[in-house]
Amino acid sequence: MGSMGDQEGRDPGMWVDGGDQRVVVHVGGEMDIDRAQMLYNALHVAITQTGGPNEIVADLSEMSFCDSAGLNALIRAHHTAAEYGKHMSLRAPRPQFLRLLEITGADVLFPITGT
């Protein structure tokens, strides 16, 4: 497996890029039970990498759908980030996901940018 910035062989709906200031996990397509663990794994690596930035951004601008499994992966990642003293935010979630956050009360967990 290559570095976090290595896009060869990546899932076409998810990739990670980073820099000194933040790591961005880009999420596209449908986030359901089949892909939720992959999302959590990508976020977990971004959060726990030694010497990595303190800001983790989940870019949801290309995510067309998210069910409870995808939401659970994001919530688990939020808790992991807190354990590591890191900050996690969501970028540009679509209305369906914003509604899911509101219905579940998870909207209080995540700062949202780029809406």
Protein backbone atom coordinates (compact mmCIF):
# COMPACT_ATOMS: atom_id res chain seq x y z
CA MET A 1 0.00 0.00 0.00
CA GLY A 2 1.37 3.42 -0.95
CA SER A 3 1.43 6.68 0.89
CA MET A 4 -1.73 8.53 1.76
CA GLY A 5 -1.29 10.76 -1.29
CA ASP A 6 -0.87 7.77 -3.61
CA GLN A 7 -3.95 7.51 -5.80
CA GLU A 8 -2.94 4.45 -7.80
CA GLY A 9 -5.33 1.61 -7.11
CA ARG A 10 -7.60 3.80 -5.01
CA ASP A 11 -11.34 3.47 -4.75
CA PRO A 12 -12.80 5.77 -7.42
CA GLY A 13 -15.18 7.23 -4.84
CA MET A 14 -12.65 7.88 -2.07
CA TRP A 15 -9.15 9.29 -1.89
CA VAL A 16 -6.94 11.12 0.58
CA ASP A 17 -4.69 14.09 0.13
CA GLY A 18 -2.82 16.05 2.70
CA GLY A 19 -0.38 18.72 3.55
CA ASP A 20 1.19 20.36 6.56
CA GLN A 21 -2.04 21.98 7.70
CA ARG A 22 -4.69 19.31 7.15
CA VAL A 23 -5.53 15.92 5.72
CA VAL A 24 -8.57 15.76 3.44
CA VAL A 25 -10.45 12.51 2.93
CA HIS A 26 -12.59 12.89 -0.21
CA VAL A 27 -15.75 10.79 -0.24
CA GLY A 28 -17.82 10.27 -3.37
CA GLY A 29 -20.73 8.15 -4.44
CA GLU A 30 -22.92 6.24 -2.03
CA MET A 31 -21.73 5.64 1.52
CA ASP A 32 -23.50 2.58 2.81
CA ILE A 33 -22.71 -0.57 4.76
CA ASP A 34 -20.56 -1.92 1.92
CA ARG A 35 -18.19 1.07 2.05
CA ALA A 36 -18.51 2.39 5.61
CA GLN A 37 -15.58 0.41 7.01
CA MET A 38 -13.36 1.64 4.19
CA LEU A 39 -14.31 5.23 5.08
CA TYR A 40 -13.53 4.67 8.74
CA ASN A 41 -10.20 3.03 7.87
CA ALA A 42 -9.18 5.99 5.67
CA LEU A 43 -10.11 8.47 8.40
CA HIS A 44 -8.42 6.36 11.10
CA VAL A 45 -5.14 6.34 9.15
CA ALA A 46 -5.38 10.10 8.59
CA ILE A 47 -6.08 10.72 12.29
CA THR A 48 -3.49 8.38 13.79
CA GLN A 49 -0.52 8.97 11.47
CA THR A 50 2.53 9.98 13.45
CA GLY A 51 3.37 13.63 13.01
CA GLY A 52 0.27 14.24 10.90
CA PRO A 53 -1.69 17.48 10.92
CA ASN A 54 -4.23 18.19 13.64
CA GLU A 55 -7.05 19.00 11.22
CA ILE A 56 -8.89 16.19 9.45
CA VAL A 57 -11.48 17.14 6.82
CA ALA A 58 -14.03 14.73 5.37
CA ASP A 59 -14.92 16.29 2.01
CA LEU A 60 -18.47 15.11 1.34
CA SER A 61 -19.17 17.32 -1.67
CA GLU A 62 -19.26 14.30 -4.02
CA MET A 63 -21.12 11.93 -1.66
CA SER A 64 -24.53 11.32 -3.20
CA PHE A 65 -26.04 9.23 -0.37
CA CYS A 66 -25.20 8.18 3.17
CA ASP A 67 -27.00 5.69 5.38
CA SER A 68 -26.60 4.99 9.09
CA ALA A 69 -23.51 2.81 8.52
CA GLY A 70 -21.72 5.72 6.84
CA LEU A 71 -22.81 8.09 9.57
CA ASN A 72 -21.58 5.63 12.19
CA ALA A 73 -18.17 5.52 10.48
CA LEU A 74 -17.94 9.32 10.66
CA ILE A 75 -19.01 9.39 14.31
CA ARG A 76 -16.45 6.70 15.20
CA ALA A 77 -13.79 8.72 13.38
CA HIS A 78 -14.84 11.85 15.29
CA HIS A 79 -14.34 10.00 18.59
CA THR A 80 -10.95 8.69 17.42
CA ALA A 81 -9.91 12.23 16.46
CA ALA A 82 -10.91 13.48 19.90
CA GLU A 83 -8.86 10.71 21.54
CA TYR A 84 -5.83 11.84 19.52
CA GLY A 85 -6.42 15.53 20.24
CA LYS A 86 -7.28 16.25 16.62
CA HIS A 87 -10.08 18.25 15.03
CA MET A 88 -12.43 16.76 12.45
CA SER A 89 -14.80 18.71 10.21
CA LEU A 90 -17.11 17.98 7.30
CA ARG A 91 -16.83 19.88 4.02
CA ALA A 92 -19.82 20.62 1.80
CA PRO A 93 -22.24 17.83 2.75
CA ARG A 94 -25.35 17.57 0.60
CA PRO A 95 -28.87 18.20 1.95
CA GLN A 96 -29.67 14.49 2.42
CA PHE A 97 -26.70 14.06 4.73
CA LEU A 98 -27.36 17.33 6.57
CA ARG A 99 -30.86 16.05 7.27
CA LEU A 100 -29.45 12.74 8.55
CA LEU A 101 -27.16 14.68 10.89
CA GLU A 102 -30.07 16.75 12.18
CA ILE A 103 -32.43 13.81 12.67
CA THR A 104 -29.85 11.84 14.64
CA GLY A 105 -28.53 14.79 16.64
CA ALA A 106 -25.03 14.18 15.26
CA ASP A 107 -24.96 17.70 13.80
CA VAL A 108 -23.53 18.96 17.11
CA LEU A 109 -20.43 16.78 16.67
CA PHE A 110 -19.14 18.19 13.40
CA PRO A 111 -18.18 21.68 12.31
CA ILE A 112 -19.34 22.08 8.71
CA THR A 113 -17.45 24.14 6.16
CA GLY A 114 -17.93 25.01 2.52
CA THR A 115 -21.71 24.75 2.49
